[in-house]
Amino acid sequence: SESPYISENDLRGFRRPTPSSKRGERVQGGALKTFPLDYSVEAAQVTITTDGMPMNAKVELWGTSSHIKQVAEIYNDDGQKRPFACIIDLPGGSNTIAVYNEGPMEYPISVVVEPVARMEGWDGTEQKFGGSLAPW
């Protein structure tokens, strides 16, 4: 039987994700921030940093059927010196990446979620989520 884990031999030729240098969304301690992703996104990079404070977060991949597909729990004593970065493969359909800041209110985190792979034949347009407010 195959192991569900990746061995060091499987990682040869792959590189670790480089933390994004983009300005992220601020997530206060105890808060949840969701990042809906277009159906064309096949993989997304998640970067979490702090301003030198401890980082205690949970990253979840939500699917269209309202169940959690993946979970990562992150703890780090200095999110500025050691930012967290990962690439999440996304199954077909629209997905959402949710990030909970499980730390106290005094320890905000900064989160960047960006697509790193799109489906073949993507035409460059983003699918809109939700409706628009009517002007009446």
C-alpha atoms as a PDB file:
ATOM      1  CA  SER A   1       0.000   0.000   0.000  1.00  0.00           C
ATOM      2  CA  GLU A   2       1.124   3.534  -0.706  1.00  0.00           C
ATOM      3  CA  SER A   3       1.866   5.960   2.088  1.00  0.00           C
ATOM      4  CA  PRO A   4      -0.323   9.087   2.207  1.00  0.00           C
ATOM      5  CA  TYR A   5       2.766  11.132   3.065  1.00  0.00           C
ATOM      6  CA  ILE A   6       5.394  12.542   0.740  1.00  0.00           C
ATOM      7  CA  SER A   7       8.921  11.260   1.283  1.00  0.00           C
ATOM      8  CA  GLU A   8      12.134  13.235   0.833  1.00  0.00           C
ATOM      9  CA  ASN A   9      12.728  11.365  -2.450  1.00  0.00           C
ATOM     10  CA  ASP A  10       9.359  12.601  -3.767  1.00  0.00           C
ATOM     11  CA  LEU A  11      10.434  16.199  -3.100  1.00  0.00           C
ATOM     12  CA  ARG A  12      13.528  16.152  -5.294  1.00  0.00           C
ATOM     13  CA  GLY A  13      13.218  18.826  -7.973  1.00  0.00           C
ATOM     14  CA  PHE A  14      10.541  20.764  -6.062  1.00  0.00           C
ATOM     15  CA  ARG A  15      11.242  24.024  -4.300  1.00  0.00           C
ATOM     16  CA  ARG A  16       9.616  25.462  -1.233  1.00  0.00           C
ATOM     17  CA  PRO A  17       7.107  28.262  -1.795  1.00  0.00           C
ATOM     18  CA  THR A  18       8.591  31.736  -1.390  1.00  0.00           C
ATOM     19  CA  PRO A  19       6.482  33.906   0.951  1.00  0.00           C
ATOM     20  CA  SER A  20       4.623  36.602  -0.953  1.00  0.00           C
ATOM     21  CA  SER A  21       5.882  40.157  -0.556  1.00  0.00           C
ATOM     22  CA  LYS A  22       2.426  41.600  -1.332  1.00  0.00           C
ATOM     23  CA  ARG A  23       0.580  43.533   1.338  1.00  0.00           C
ATOM     24  CA  GLY A  24      -1.858  41.114   2.919  1.00  0.00           C
ATOM     25  CA  GLU A  25      -5.291  41.331   4.466  1.00  0.00           C
ATOM     26  CA  ARG A  26      -5.133  42.059   8.198  1.00  0.00           C
ATOM     27  CA  VAL A  27      -6.918  39.471  10.346  1.00  0.00           C
ATOM     28  CA  GLN A  28      -7.373  40.389  14.005  1.00  0.00           C
ATOM     29  CA  GLY A  29      -7.034  37.789  16.742  1.00  0.00           C
ATOM     30  CA  GLY A  30     -10.129  35.625  17.042  1.00  0.00           C
ATOM     31  CA  ALA A  31     -11.348  36.598  13.544  1.00  0.00           C
ATOM     32  CA  LEU A  32     -12.051  34.636  10.369  1.00  0.00           C
ATOM     33  CA  LYS A  33     -11.235  35.859   6.843  1.00  0.00           C
ATOM     34  CA  THR A  34     -12.415  34.013   3.741  1.00  0.00           C
ATOM     35  CA  PHE A  35     -10.922  34.182   0.252  1.00  0.00           C
ATOM     36  CA  PRO A  36     -13.310  32.890  -2.450  1.00  0.00           C
ATOM     37  CA  LEU A  37     -11.480  31.555  -5.484  1.00  0.00           C
ATOM     38  CA  ASP A  38     -12.643  31.423  -9.078  1.00  0.00           C
ATOM     39  CA  TYR A  39     -13.405  28.007 -10.628  1.00  0.00           C
ATOM     40  CA  SER A  40     -10.358  28.392 -12.906  1.00  0.00           C
ATOM     41  CA  VAL A  41      -7.832  28.389 -10.022  1.00  0.00           C
ATOM     42  CA  GLU A  42      -6.109  24.999  -9.737  1.00  0.00           C
ATOM     43  CA  ALA A  43      -3.614  25.967  -6.993  1.00  0.00           C
ATOM     44  CA  ALA A  44      -3.247  28.914  -4.622  1.00  0.00           C
ATOM     45  CA  GLN A  45      -0.410  30.101  -2.408  1.00  0.00           C
ATOM     46  CA  VAL A  46      -1.214  31.166   1.147  1.00  0.00           C
ATOM     47  CA  THR A  47       1.276  33.415   2.981  1.00  0.00           C
ATOM     48  CA  ILE A  48       0.816  34.410   6.633  1.00  0.00           C
ATOM     49  CA  THR A  49       3.063  36.924   8.404  1.00  0.00           C
ATOM     50  CA  THR A  50       3.043  39.101  11.514  1.00  0.00           C
ATOM     51  CA  ASP A  51       4.871  42.211  12.670  1.00  0.00           C
ATOM     52  CA  GLY A  52       7.233  40.156  14.841  1.00  0.00           C
ATOM     53  CA  MET A  53       4.461  38.778  17.042  1.00  0.00           C
ATOM     54  CA  PRO A  54       3.522  35.115  17.532  1.00  0.00           C
ATOM     55  CA  MET A  55       1.306  33.528  14.885  1.00  0.00           C
ATOM     56  CA  ASN A  56      -1.432  31.022  15.745  1.00  0.00           C
ATOM     57  CA  ALA A  57      -3.711  30.306  12.788  1.00  0.00           C
ATOM     58  CA  LYS A  58      -5.774  27.659  11.055  1.00  0.00           C
ATOM     59  CA  VAL A  59      -6.052  27.467   7.241  1.00  0.00           C
ATOM     60  CA  GLU A  60      -8.983  25.554   5.760  1.00  0.00           C
ATOM     61  CA  LEU A  61     -10.032  24.708   2.215  1.00  0.00           C
ATOM     62  CA  TRP A  62     -13.803  24.813   1.855  1.00  0.00           C
ATOM     63  CA  GLY A  63     -15.472  23.181  -1.117  1.00  0.00           C
ATOM     64  CA  THR A  64     -18.789  23.854  -2.742  1.00  0.00           C
ATOM     65  CA  SER A  65     -20.455  21.093  -0.750  1.00  0.00           C
ATOM     66  CA  SER A  66     -19.878  22.955   2.551  1.00  0.00           C
ATOM     67  CA  HIS A  67     -17.338  20.533   3.967  1.00  0.00           C
ATOM     68  CA  ILE A  68     -13.733  21.138   4.910  1.00  0.00           C
ATOM     69  CA  LYS A  69     -11.345  19.466   2.464  1.00  0.00           C
ATOM     70  CA  GLN A  70      -7.975  20.371   4.046  1.00  0.00           C
ATOM     71  CA  VAL A  71      -6.783  21.877   7.308  1.00  0.00           C
ATOM     72  CA  ALA A  72      -3.400  23.250   8.388  1.00  0.00           C
ATOM     73  CA  GLU A  73      -2.745  24.503  11.906  1.00  0.00           C
ATOM     74  CA  ILE A  74       0.146  26.945  12.193  1.00  0.00           C
ATOM     75  CA  TYR A  75       2.035  28.168  15.239  1.00  0.00           C
ATOM     76  CA  ASN A  76       5.163  30.286  15.078  1.00  0.00           C
ATOM     77  CA  ASP A  77       6.733  32.523  17.722  1.00  0.00           C
ATOM     78  CA  ASP A  78       7.775  35.229  15.198  1.00  0.00           C
ATOM     79  CA  GLY A  79       5.815  35.556  11.945  1.00  0.00           C
ATOM     80  CA  GLN A  80       8.122  38.280  10.629  1.00  0.00           C
ATOM     81  CA  LYS A  81      11.342  36.261  10.823  1.00  0.00           C
ATOM     82  CA  ARG A  82       9.644  33.002   9.861  1.00  0.00           C
ATOM     83  CA  PRO A  83       6.589  33.633   7.662  1.00  0.00           C
ATOM     84  CA  PHE A  84       4.348  30.708   6.734  1.00  0.00           C
ATOM     85  CA  ALA A  85       3.850  29.885   3.042  1.00  0.00           C
ATOM     86  CA  CYS A  86       2.185  26.915   1.380  1.00  0.00           C
ATOM     87  CA  ILE A  87       0.640  25.971  -1.935  1.00  0.00           C
ATOM     88  CA  ILE A  88      -2.773  24.294  -1.826  1.00  0.00           C
ATOM     89  CA  ASP A  89      -3.993  22.220  -4.778  1.00  0.00           C
ATOM     90  CA  LEU A  90      -7.654  22.960  -5.431  1.00  0.00           C
ATOM     91  CA  PRO A  91     -10.113  20.378  -6.701  1.00  0.00           C
ATOM     92  CA  GLY A  92     -12.480  21.359  -9.516  1.00  0.00           C
ATOM     93  CA  GLY A  93     -15.223  23.904  -8.956  1.00  0.00           C
ATOM     94  CA  SER A  94     -15.309  27.032  -6.860  1.00  0.00           C
ATOM     95  CA  ASN A  95     -13.415  26.830  -3.579  1.00  0.00           C
ATOM     96  CA  THR A  96     -12.815  29.120  -0.614  1.00  0.00           C
ATOM     97  CA  ILE A  97      -9.736  29.370   1.566  1.00  0.00           C
ATOM     98  CA  ALA A  98     -10.603  30.338   5.135  1.00  0.00           C
ATOM     99  CA  VAL A  99      -8.022  31.626   7.612  1.00  0.00           C
ATOM    100  CA  TYR A 100      -8.799  31.795  11.343  1.00  0.00           C
ATOM    101  CA  ASN A 101      -6.508  33.857  13.568  1.00  0.00           C
ATOM    102  CA  GLU A 102      -6.595  31.742  16.720  1.00  0.00           C
ATOM    103  CA  GLY A 103      -4.349  34.149  18.612  1.00  0.00           C
ATOM    104  CA  PRO A 104      -5.531  36.905  20.949  1.00  0.00           C
ATOM    105  CA  MET A 105      -6.770  40.283  19.653  1.00  0.00           C
ATOM    106  CA  GLU A 106      -3.322  41.803  20.335  1.00  0.00           C
ATOM    107  CA  TYR A 107      -1.686  39.505  17.728  1.00  0.00           C
ATOM    108  CA  PRO A 108      -3.053  40.320  14.250  1.00  0.00           C
ATOM    109  CA  ILE A 109      -1.791  38.403  11.230  1.00  0.00           C
ATOM    110  CA  SER A 110      -1.407  39.421   7.597  1.00  0.00           C
ATOM    111  CA  VAL A 111      -2.712  36.966   4.973  1.00  0.00           C
ATOM    112  CA  VAL A 112      -2.094  36.841   1.210  1.00  0.00           C
ATOM    113  CA  VAL A 113      -3.928  34.289  -0.945  1.00  0.00           C
ATOM    114  CA  GLU A 114      -2.964  34.327  -4.616  1.00  0.00           C
ATOM    115  CA  PRO A 115      -3.523  31.936  -7.526  1.00  0.00           C
ATOM    116  CA  VAL A 116      -0.382  30.173  -8.746  1.00  0.00           C
ATOM    117  CA  ALA A 117      -1.964  27.828 -11.331  1.00  0.00           C
ATOM    118  CA  ARG A 118      -4.988  28.250 -13.615  1.00  0.00           C
ATOM    119  CA  MET A 119      -6.874  25.696 -15.671  1.00  0.00           C
ATOM    120  CA  GLU A 120      -5.820  25.173 -19.259  1.00  0.00           C
ATOM    121  CA  GLY A 121      -7.799  27.394 -21.617  1.00  0.00           C
ATOM    122  CA  TRP A 122      -8.609  30.048 -18.980  1.00  0.00           C
ATOM    123  CA  ASP A 123      -9.684  33.223 -20.806  1.00  0.00           C
ATOM    124  CA  GLY A 124      -8.469  35.716 -18.185  1.00  0.00           C
ATOM    125  CA  THR A 125     -11.861  36.644 -16.729  1.00  0.00           C
ATOM    126  CA  GLU A 126     -12.815  36.149 -13.102  1.00  0.00           C
ATOM    127  CA  GLN A 127     -16.149  34.673 -12.112  1.00  0.00           C
ATOM    128  CA  LYS A 128     -18.146  37.020  -9.862  1.00  0.00           C
ATOM    129  CA  PHE A 129     -19.460  35.749  -6.546  1.00  0.00           C
ATOM    130  CA  GLY A 130     -22.615  37.085  -4.949  1.00  0.00           C
ATOM    131  CA  GLY A 131     -24.975  39.681  -6.291  1.00  0.00           C
ATOM    132  CA  SER A 132     -24.904  43.423  -6.709  1.00  0.00           C
ATOM    133  CA  LEU A 133     -26.877  45.909  -4.673  1.00  0.00           C
ATOM    134  CA  ALA A 134     -29.848  47.311  -6.537  1.00  0.00           C
ATOM    135  CA  PRO A 135     -29.976  51.143  -6.608  1.00  0.00           C
ATOM    136  CA  TRP A 136     -33.662  51.406  -5.681  1.00  0.00           C
END
